[in-house]
């Protein structure tokens, strides 16, 4: 499956709705198993708040293991065929803030449901993660797939602690954008 994962609001695919730093987007709808052998449950909100909703609903919830994610300490952009690091935004995301957001996606597992418009997946440290449907309908990719694409960009497109880029090998059904929100 191919699509676009971008670390800049200007990098969203043309077929996806645009994301501005002032739009909040629709809420993420997360569906997954929070208890061994139990039915899938559904929660809405940003991935961070969903994580705490799950813990409240099942204090014994065992999160998935999180792969070690390193923020590269480099000022050189690295080239790879499926990741384009030459997508620049006015306000790039902070790499350290993106790591926490990726970790929440891995910990929860399950599926991250997004609507036909842009959905705010996460927001912390003035960085906001949006996913936008490219099909005109709802879609629910595995949350770990969003995290995998974000990790690939983080690993290859971090420059001086800031990150932006485009992952052409992600999913064709939606695009994802990481943006830094201005402080108000």
C-alpha atoms as a PDB file:
ATOM      1  CA  UNK A   1       0.000   0.000   0.000  1.00  0.00           C
ATOM      2  CA  UNK A   2       1.306   3.438  -0.851  1.00  0.00           C
ATOM      3  CA  UNK A   3       0.358   6.906   0.218  1.00  0.00           C
ATOM      4  CA  UNK A   4       1.967   9.963   1.648  1.00  0.00           C
ATOM      5  CA  UNK A   5       3.244  10.730   5.116  1.00  0.00           C
ATOM      6  CA  UNK A   6       4.435  14.274   5.514  1.00  0.00           C
ATOM      7  CA  UNK A   7       6.113  16.234   8.255  1.00  0.00           C
ATOM      8  CA  UNK A   8       4.976  19.638   7.101  1.00  0.00           C
ATOM      9  CA  UNK A   9       1.565  21.080   6.418  1.00  0.00           C
ATOM     10  CA  UNK A  10       2.750  22.301   3.036  1.00  0.00           C
ATOM     11  CA  UNK A  11       3.706  18.745   2.100  1.00  0.00           C
ATOM     12  CA  UNK A  12       0.202  17.298   2.097  1.00  0.00           C
ATOM     13  CA  UNK A  13      -0.781  15.556  -1.103  1.00  0.00           C
ATOM     14  CA  UNK A  14      -2.980  17.589  -3.417  1.00  0.00           C
ATOM     15  CA  UNK A  15      -5.807  15.063  -3.078  1.00  0.00           C
ATOM     16  CA  UNK A  16      -5.919  15.534   0.688  1.00  0.00           C
ATOM     17  CA  UNK A  17      -7.748  18.389   2.357  1.00  0.00           C
ATOM     18  CA  UNK A  18      -5.460  21.198   3.384  1.00  0.00           C
ATOM     19  CA  UNK A  19      -4.378  21.619   6.979  1.00  0.00           C
ATOM     20  CA  UNK A  20      -3.701  25.011   8.429  1.00  0.00           C
ATOM     21  CA  UNK A  21      -2.268  25.678  11.852  1.00  0.00           C
ATOM     22  CA  UNK A  22      -5.596  27.172  12.906  1.00  0.00           C
ATOM     23  CA  UNK A  23      -7.766  24.172  11.940  1.00  0.00           C
ATOM     24  CA  UNK A  24      -8.498  21.609  14.609  1.00  0.00           C
ATOM     25  CA  UNK A  25      -9.759  18.867  12.305  1.00  0.00           C
ATOM     26  CA  UNK A  26     -12.107  16.087  13.329  1.00  0.00           C
ATOM     27  CA  UNK A  27     -11.340  13.912  16.322  1.00  0.00           C
ATOM     28  CA  UNK A  28      -9.436  10.672  15.940  1.00  0.00           C
ATOM     29  CA  UNK A  29     -11.538   7.546  16.446  1.00  0.00           C
ATOM     30  CA  UNK A  30      -9.404   4.751  17.927  1.00  0.00           C
ATOM     31  CA  UNK A  31     -10.640   1.153  17.966  1.00  0.00           C
ATOM     32  CA  UNK A  32      -8.770  -1.692  19.590  1.00  0.00           C
ATOM     33  CA  UNK A  33      -8.554  -4.443  22.176  1.00  0.00           C
ATOM     34  CA  UNK A  34      -7.945  -3.140  25.695  1.00  0.00           C
ATOM     35  CA  UNK A  35      -8.405  -6.473  27.461  1.00  0.00           C
ATOM     36  CA  UNK A  36      -7.123  -9.913  26.415  1.00  0.00           C
ATOM     37  CA  UNK A  37      -9.977 -11.745  24.754  1.00  0.00           C
ATOM     38  CA  UNK A  38     -12.333  -8.830  25.259  1.00  0.00           C
ATOM     39  CA  UNK A  39     -14.271  -7.022  22.555  1.00  0.00           C
ATOM     40  CA  UNK A  40     -12.795  -4.095  20.685  1.00  0.00           C
ATOM     41  CA  UNK A  41     -13.555  -0.751  22.277  1.00  0.00           C
ATOM     42  CA  UNK A  42     -13.765   2.672  20.638  1.00  0.00           C
ATOM     43  CA  UNK A  43     -12.487   5.982  22.045  1.00  0.00           C
ATOM     44  CA  UNK A  44     -12.228   9.451  20.513  1.00  0.00           C
ATOM     45  CA  UNK A  45      -9.832  12.352  20.991  1.00  0.00           C
ATOM     46  CA  UNK A  46      -6.120  12.907  20.480  1.00  0.00           C
ATOM     47  CA  UNK A  47      -3.949   9.793  20.765  1.00  0.00           C
ATOM     48  CA  UNK A  48      -2.533  10.973  24.115  1.00  0.00           C
ATOM     49  CA  UNK A  49      -5.980  11.405  25.692  1.00  0.00           C
ATOM     50  CA  UNK A  50      -7.168   8.107  24.190  1.00  0.00           C
ATOM     51  CA  UNK A  51      -4.228   6.362  25.854  1.00  0.00           C
ATOM     52  CA  UNK A  52      -5.325   7.685  29.257  1.00  0.00           C
ATOM     53  CA  UNK A  53      -8.995   6.850  28.527  1.00  0.00           C
ATOM     54  CA  UNK A  54      -7.918   3.256  27.853  1.00  0.00           C
ATOM     55  CA  UNK A  55      -5.951   3.137  31.133  1.00  0.00           C
ATOM     56  CA  UNK A  56      -8.983   4.492  32.980  1.00  0.00           C
ATOM     57  CA  UNK A  57     -11.281   1.887  31.386  1.00  0.00           C
ATOM     58  CA  UNK A  58      -8.786  -0.915  32.094  1.00  0.00           C
ATOM     59  CA  UNK A  59      -6.064  -0.094  34.640  1.00  0.00           C
ATOM     60  CA  UNK A  60      -4.493  -3.492  33.824  1.00  0.00           C
ATOM     61  CA  UNK A  61      -4.044  -2.572  30.145  1.00  0.00           C
ATOM     62  CA  UNK A  62      -0.633  -3.693  28.933  1.00  0.00           C
ATOM     63  CA  UNK A  63       0.658  -1.321  26.244  1.00  0.00           C
ATOM     64  CA  UNK A  64       2.512  -2.654  23.234  1.00  0.00           C
ATOM     65  CA  UNK A  65       6.279  -2.546  23.288  1.00  0.00           C
ATOM     66  CA  UNK A  66       7.731   0.603  21.756  1.00  0.00           C
ATOM     67  CA  UNK A  67      10.744   0.272  19.483  1.00  0.00           C
ATOM     68  CA  UNK A  68      13.661   2.488  20.413  1.00  0.00           C
ATOM     69  CA  UNK A  69      13.383   5.742  18.503  1.00  0.00           C
ATOM     70  CA  UNK A  70      16.378   8.015  18.235  1.00  0.00           C
ATOM     71  CA  UNK A  71      16.368  11.605  17.141  1.00  0.00           C
ATOM     72  CA  UNK A  72      19.388  11.910  14.855  1.00  0.00           C
ATOM     73  CA  UNK A  73      21.931  14.531  15.843  1.00  0.00           C
ATOM     74  CA  UNK A  74      22.805  15.650  12.353  1.00  0.00           C
ATOM     75  CA  UNK A  75      22.500  18.726  10.231  1.00  0.00           C
ATOM     76  CA  UNK A  76      22.801  16.767   6.995  1.00  0.00           C
ATOM     77  CA  UNK A  77      19.644  15.715   5.228  1.00  0.00           C
ATOM     78  CA  UNK A  78      19.798  12.039   4.318  1.00  0.00           C
ATOM     79  CA  UNK A  79      18.554  10.761   0.986  1.00  0.00           C
ATOM     80  CA  UNK A  80      16.411   7.675   0.512  1.00  0.00           C
ATOM     81  CA  UNK A  81      14.163   6.798  -2.406  1.00  0.00           C
ATOM     82  CA  UNK A  82      10.895   6.511  -0.467  1.00  0.00           C
ATOM     83  CA  UNK A  83      11.465   9.434   1.923  1.00  0.00           C
ATOM     84  CA  UNK A  84      11.714  12.958   0.532  1.00  0.00           C
ATOM     85  CA  UNK A  85      13.389  15.298   3.004  1.00  0.00           C
ATOM     86  CA  UNK A  86      13.198  18.280   0.667  1.00  0.00           C
ATOM     87  CA  UNK A  87       9.699  19.235   1.783  1.00  0.00           C
ATOM     88  CA  UNK A  88      10.105  22.395   3.824  1.00  0.00           C
ATOM     89  CA  UNK A  89       7.544  24.168   5.974  1.00  0.00           C
ATOM     90  CA  UNK A  90       7.527  27.626   7.436  1.00  0.00           C
ATOM     91  CA  UNK A  91       7.425  26.080  10.903  1.00  0.00           C
ATOM     92  CA  UNK A  92       8.939  22.564  11.028  1.00  0.00           C
ATOM     93  CA  UNK A  93       8.046  20.149  13.817  1.00  0.00           C
ATOM     94  CA  UNK A  94      10.339  19.649  16.803  1.00  0.00           C
ATOM     95  CA  UNK A  95      11.871  16.183  16.541  1.00  0.00           C
ATOM     96  CA  UNK A  96      11.766  15.536  20.310  1.00  0.00           C
ATOM     97  CA  UNK A  97       8.035  16.249  20.441  1.00  0.00           C
ATOM     98  CA  UNK A  98       7.365  13.901  17.540  1.00  0.00           C
ATOM     99  CA  UNK A  99       9.017  10.984  19.400  1.00  0.00           C
ATOM    100  CA  UNK A 100       6.424  11.113  22.194  1.00  0.00           C
ATOM    101  CA  UNK A 101       3.587  11.181  19.680  1.00  0.00           C
ATOM    102  CA  UNK A 102       5.022   8.182  17.805  1.00  0.00           C
ATOM    103  CA  UNK A 103       5.340   6.276  21.096  1.00  0.00           C
ATOM    104  CA  UNK A 104       1.636   6.736  21.900  1.00  0.00           C
ATOM    105  CA  UNK A 105       0.711   5.351  18.474  1.00  0.00           C
ATOM    106  CA  UNK A 106       2.890   2.270  19.027  1.00  0.00           C
ATOM    107  CA  UNK A 107       1.724   1.704  22.632  1.00  0.00           C
ATOM    108  CA  UNK A 108      -1.965   1.618  21.797  1.00  0.00           C
ATOM    109  CA  UNK A 109      -1.861  -0.450  18.629  1.00  0.00           C
ATOM    110  CA  UNK A 110      -5.365  -0.798  17.240  1.00  0.00           C
ATOM    111  CA  UNK A 111      -6.707   1.230  14.354  1.00  0.00           C
ATOM    112  CA  UNK A 112      -6.701   5.009  13.979  1.00  0.00           C
ATOM    113  CA  UNK A 113      -9.925   5.996  12.253  1.00  0.00           C
ATOM    114  CA  UNK A 114      -9.865   9.187  10.239  1.00  0.00           C
ATOM    115  CA  UNK A 115     -12.729  10.996   8.564  1.00  0.00           C
ATOM    116  CA  UNK A 116     -13.038  12.430   5.037  1.00  0.00           C
ATOM    117  CA  UNK A 117     -11.564  15.691   6.298  1.00  0.00           C
ATOM    118  CA  UNK A 118      -8.382  16.107   8.326  1.00  0.00           C
ATOM    119  CA  UNK A 119      -8.240  14.416  11.716  1.00  0.00           C
ATOM    120  CA  UNK A 120      -5.985  15.622  14.500  1.00  0.00           C
ATOM    121  CA  UNK A 121      -4.184  12.503  15.658  1.00  0.00           C
ATOM    122  CA  UNK A 122      -1.959  14.090  18.268  1.00  0.00           C
ATOM    123  CA  UNK A 123      -0.866  17.396  19.705  1.00  0.00           C
ATOM    124  CA  UNK A 124       1.939  18.013  22.195  1.00  0.00           C
ATOM    125  CA  UNK A 125       4.947  20.288  22.599  1.00  0.00           C
ATOM    126  CA  UNK A 126       3.427  22.694  20.026  1.00  0.00           C
ATOM    127  CA  UNK A 127       3.585  19.897  17.410  1.00  0.00           C
ATOM    128  CA  UNK A 128       0.381  18.647  15.899  1.00  0.00           C
ATOM    129  CA  UNK A 129      -0.128  15.458  13.890  1.00  0.00           C
ATOM    130  CA  UNK A 130      -2.926  15.363  11.340  1.00  0.00           C
ATOM    131  CA  UNK A 131      -4.100  12.535   9.113  1.00  0.00           C
ATOM    132  CA  UNK A 132      -6.240  13.341   6.094  1.00  0.00           C
ATOM    133  CA  UNK A 133      -8.346  10.916   4.090  1.00  0.00           C
ATOM    134  CA  UNK A 134      -7.439  10.889   0.411  1.00  0.00           C
ATOM    135  CA  UNK A 135     -10.403   8.756  -0.651  1.00  0.00           C
ATOM    136  CA  UNK A 136     -13.215  11.101   0.335  1.00  0.00           C
ATOM    137  CA  UNK A 137     -14.410   8.537   2.892  1.00  0.00           C
ATOM    138  CA  UNK A 138     -13.539   7.203   6.301  1.00  0.00           C
ATOM    139  CA  UNK A 139     -10.467   4.977   6.634  1.00  0.00           C
ATOM    140  CA  UNK A 140      -8.839   3.251   9.612  1.00  0.00           C
ATOM    141  CA  UNK A 141      -5.192   2.285   9.128  1.00  0.00           C
ATOM    142  CA  UNK A 142      -3.291   0.547  11.910  1.00  0.00           C
ATOM    143  CA  UNK A 143      -1.886   3.151  14.300  1.00  0.00           C
ATOM    144  CA  UNK A 144       1.488   1.397  14.132  1.00  0.00           C
ATOM    145  CA  UNK A 145       1.629   2.060  10.366  1.00  0.00           C
ATOM    146  CA  UNK A 146       1.302   5.781  11.009  1.00  0.00           C
ATOM    147  CA  UNK A 147       4.054   5.474  13.636  1.00  0.00           C
ATOM    148  CA  UNK A 148       6.301   3.495  11.243  1.00  0.00           C
ATOM    149  CA  UNK A 149       6.051   6.170   8.562  1.00  0.00           C
ATOM    150  CA  UNK A 150       6.658   8.937  11.075  1.00  0.00           C
ATOM    151  CA  UNK A 151       9.703   7.073  12.420  1.00  0.00           C
ATOM    152  CA  UNK A 152      11.142   6.727   8.917  1.00  0.00           C
ATOM    153  CA  UNK A 153      10.824  10.461   8.337  1.00  0.00           C
ATOM    154  CA  UNK A 154      12.166  11.288  11.792  1.00  0.00           C
ATOM    155  CA  UNK A 155      15.188   9.078  11.182  1.00  0.00           C
ATOM    156  CA  UNK A 156      15.989  10.539   7.792  1.00  0.00           C
ATOM    157  CA  UNK A 157      14.724  14.106   7.775  1.00  0.00           C
ATOM    158  CA  UNK A 158      15.771  15.611  11.099  1.00  0.00           C
ATOM    159  CA  UNK A 159      17.909  18.688  10.798  1.00  0.00           C
ATOM    160  CA  UNK A 160      19.131  20.661  13.807  1.00  0.00           C
ATOM    161  CA  UNK A 161      16.400  19.181  16.004  1.00  0.00           C
ATOM    162  CA  UNK A 162      13.605  20.009  13.552  1.00  0.00           C
ATOM    163  CA  UNK A 163      11.917  17.645  11.144  1.00  0.00           C
ATOM    164  CA  UNK A 164       9.890  17.742   7.935  1.00  0.00           C
ATOM    165  CA  UNK A 165       9.573  15.384   5.001  1.00  0.00           C
ATOM    166  CA  UNK A 166       7.377  13.152   2.887  1.00  0.00           C
ATOM    167  CA  UNK A 167       7.122   9.339   3.005  1.00  0.00           C
ATOM    168  CA  UNK A 168       5.940   8.072  -0.365  1.00  0.00           C
ATOM    169  CA  UNK A 169       5.889   4.437   0.791  1.00  0.00           C
ATOM    170  CA  UNK A 170       3.237   4.788   3.475  1.00  0.00           C
ATOM    171  CA  UNK A 171      -0.433   4.460   2.507  1.00  0.00           C
ATOM    172  CA  UNK A 172      -2.456   5.511  -0.482  1.00  0.00           C
ATOM    173  CA  UNK A 173      -5.653   6.005   1.471  1.00  0.00           C
ATOM    174  CA  UNK A 174      -4.594   8.954   3.580  1.00  0.00           C
ATOM    175  CA  UNK A 175      -1.794  11.390   4.154  1.00  0.00           C
ATOM    176  CA  UNK A 176      -0.371  12.466   7.472  1.00  0.00           C
ATOM    177  CA  UNK A 177       1.026  15.841   8.405  1.00  0.00           C
ATOM    178  CA  UNK A 178       3.106  16.888  11.391  1.00  0.00           C
ATOM    179  CA  UNK A 179       3.115  20.614  11.970  1.00  0.00           C
ATOM    180  CA  UNK A 180       4.309  22.914  14.692  1.00  0.00           C
ATOM    181  CA  UNK A 181       1.572  25.148  15.981  1.00  0.00           C
ATOM    182  CA  UNK A 182       2.413  28.759  16.707  1.00  0.00           C
ATOM    183  CA  UNK A 183       2.107  29.760  20.340  1.00  0.00           C
ATOM    184  CA  UNK A 184      -0.879  31.961  21.142  1.00  0.00           C
END
